[in-house]
Amino acid sequence: MEKKAKQLAELLKVLANENRLMILCVLMKEPKTVSRIAEKVPNITQSALSQHLALLKAHGILDFTKNGQNITYSIADHRVEEIIQTLRKYYCDD
């Protein structure tokens, strides 16, 4: 139980950022390219977006596919999908 609690606490730390929550909200409906994510997340620089995506990817929350120059991101962790689904009524625009 302690190990699972530590893992969940670490996951929640990664999620505890408004930009990362918005990124995940955008990806709930379907995978998107970086440029499409940038269009949907207001007031974020390309550099900041890239850093957030890298962090989410490093923690196994996101997966990606590369097609030429385009990178498409999707949610890889079903626990995150469940958390975002629960939270979406509070902050996601539908």
Protein backbone atom coordinates (compact mmCIF):
# COMPACT_ATOMS: atom_id res chain seq x y z
CA MET A 1 0.00 0.00 0.00
CA GLU A 2 2.81 2.43 0.86
CA LYS A 3 4.49 1.87 -2.51
CA LYS A 4 1.25 2.55 -4.39
CA ALA A 5 0.63 5.68 -2.32
CA LYS A 6 4.12 6.97 -3.19
CA GLN A 7 3.55 6.26 -6.89
CA LEU A 8 0.21 8.06 -6.83
CA ALA A 9 1.70 11.02 -4.97
CA GLU A 10 4.43 11.29 -7.62
CA LEU A 11 1.83 11.14 -10.40
CA LEU A 12 -0.26 13.84 -8.75
CA LYS A 13 2.83 16.06 -8.40
CA VAL A 14 3.37 15.84 -12.15
CA LEU A 15 -0.29 16.64 -12.80
CA ALA A 16 -0.31 19.58 -10.36
CA ASN A 17 0.26 22.24 -13.02
CA GLU A 18 -2.44 24.15 -14.87
CA ASN A 19 -0.71 23.90 -18.25
CA ARG A 20 -0.18 20.16 -17.95
CA LEU A 21 -3.82 19.71 -16.94
CA MET A 22 -4.94 21.70 -19.99
CA ILE A 23 -2.65 19.65 -22.24
CA LEU A 24 -4.15 16.43 -20.91
CA CYS A 25 -7.65 17.80 -21.28
CA VAL A 26 -6.93 18.57 -24.94
CA LEU A 27 -5.62 15.04 -25.46
CA MET A 28 -8.63 13.34 -23.82
CA LYS A 29 -10.71 13.46 -26.99
CA GLU A 30 -8.04 12.25 -29.41
CA PRO A 31 -4.30 12.30 -30.09
CA LYS A 32 -3.02 15.65 -31.37
CA THR A 33 0.09 17.14 -32.93
CA VAL A 34 2.17 19.65 -31.01
CA SER A 35 0.82 22.51 -33.14
CA ARG A 36 -2.79 21.46 -32.44
CA ILE A 37 -2.09 21.27 -28.72
CA ALA A 38 -0.51 24.74 -28.85
CA GLU A 39 -3.66 26.12 -30.50
CA LYS A 40 -5.83 24.80 -27.67
CA VAL A 41 -3.66 25.73 -24.67
CA PRO A 42 -3.75 29.51 -24.22
CA ASN A 43 -0.77 31.68 -23.32
CA ILE A 44 1.92 29.01 -23.53
CA THR A 45 5.15 29.40 -25.45
CA GLN A 46 6.41 26.68 -27.77
CA SER A 47 9.37 26.17 -25.45
CA ALA A 48 7.19 25.77 -22.36
CA LEU A 49 4.85 23.41 -24.20
CA SER A 50 7.79 21.26 -25.28
CA GLN A 51 9.07 21.11 -21.70
CA HIS A 52 5.66 20.06 -20.36
CA LEU A 53 5.27 17.41 -23.07
CA ALA A 54 8.76 16.07 -22.32
CA LEU A 55 8.01 15.83 -18.60
CA LEU A 56 4.69 14.06 -19.19
CA LYS A 57 6.41 11.68 -21.60
CA ALA A 58 9.28 11.02 -19.16
CA HIS A 59 6.76 9.97 -16.49
CA GLY A 60 4.98 7.59 -18.88
CA ILE A 61 1.85 9.73 -18.97
CA LEU A 62 2.10 10.48 -22.69
CA ASP A 63 3.07 8.44 -25.69
CA PHE A 64 3.91 9.76 -29.13
CA THR A 65 4.22 8.76 -32.75
CA LYS A 66 6.38 10.52 -35.27
CA ASN A 67 5.31 10.95 -38.88
CA GLY A 68 7.93 12.94 -40.76
CA GLN A 69 8.23 16.30 -39.01
CA ASN A 70 4.97 15.86 -37.07
CA ILE A 71 4.85 14.39 -33.59
CA THR A 72 1.44 13.27 -32.37
CA TYR A 73 0.89 12.86 -28.64
CA SER A 74 -1.66 10.69 -26.85
CA ILE A 75 -2.36 9.74 -23.25
CA ALA A 76 -0.58 6.48 -22.41
CA ASP A 77 -1.59 6.03 -18.77
CA HIS A 78 -5.18 4.88 -18.17
CA ARG A 79 -5.02 6.16 -14.58
CA VAL A 80 -4.47 9.67 -15.90
CA GLU A 81 -7.44 9.32 -18.24
CA GLU A 82 -9.61 8.36 -15.26
CA ILE A 83 -8.33 11.29 -13.18
CA ILE A 84 -8.83 13.81 -16.00
CA GLN A 85 -12.28 12.39 -16.73
CA THR A 86 -13.23 13.02 -13.10
CA LEU A 87 -11.77 16.56 -13.12
CA ARG A 88 -12.92 17.64 -16.59
CA LYS A 89 -16.24 19.07 -15.44
CA TYR A 90 -14.29 21.63 -13.40
CA TYR A 91 -11.91 22.97 -16.03
CA CYS A 92 -12.15 21.39 -19.48
CA ASP A 93 -13.95 23.27 -22.22
CA ASP A 94 -16.09 20.89 -24.22
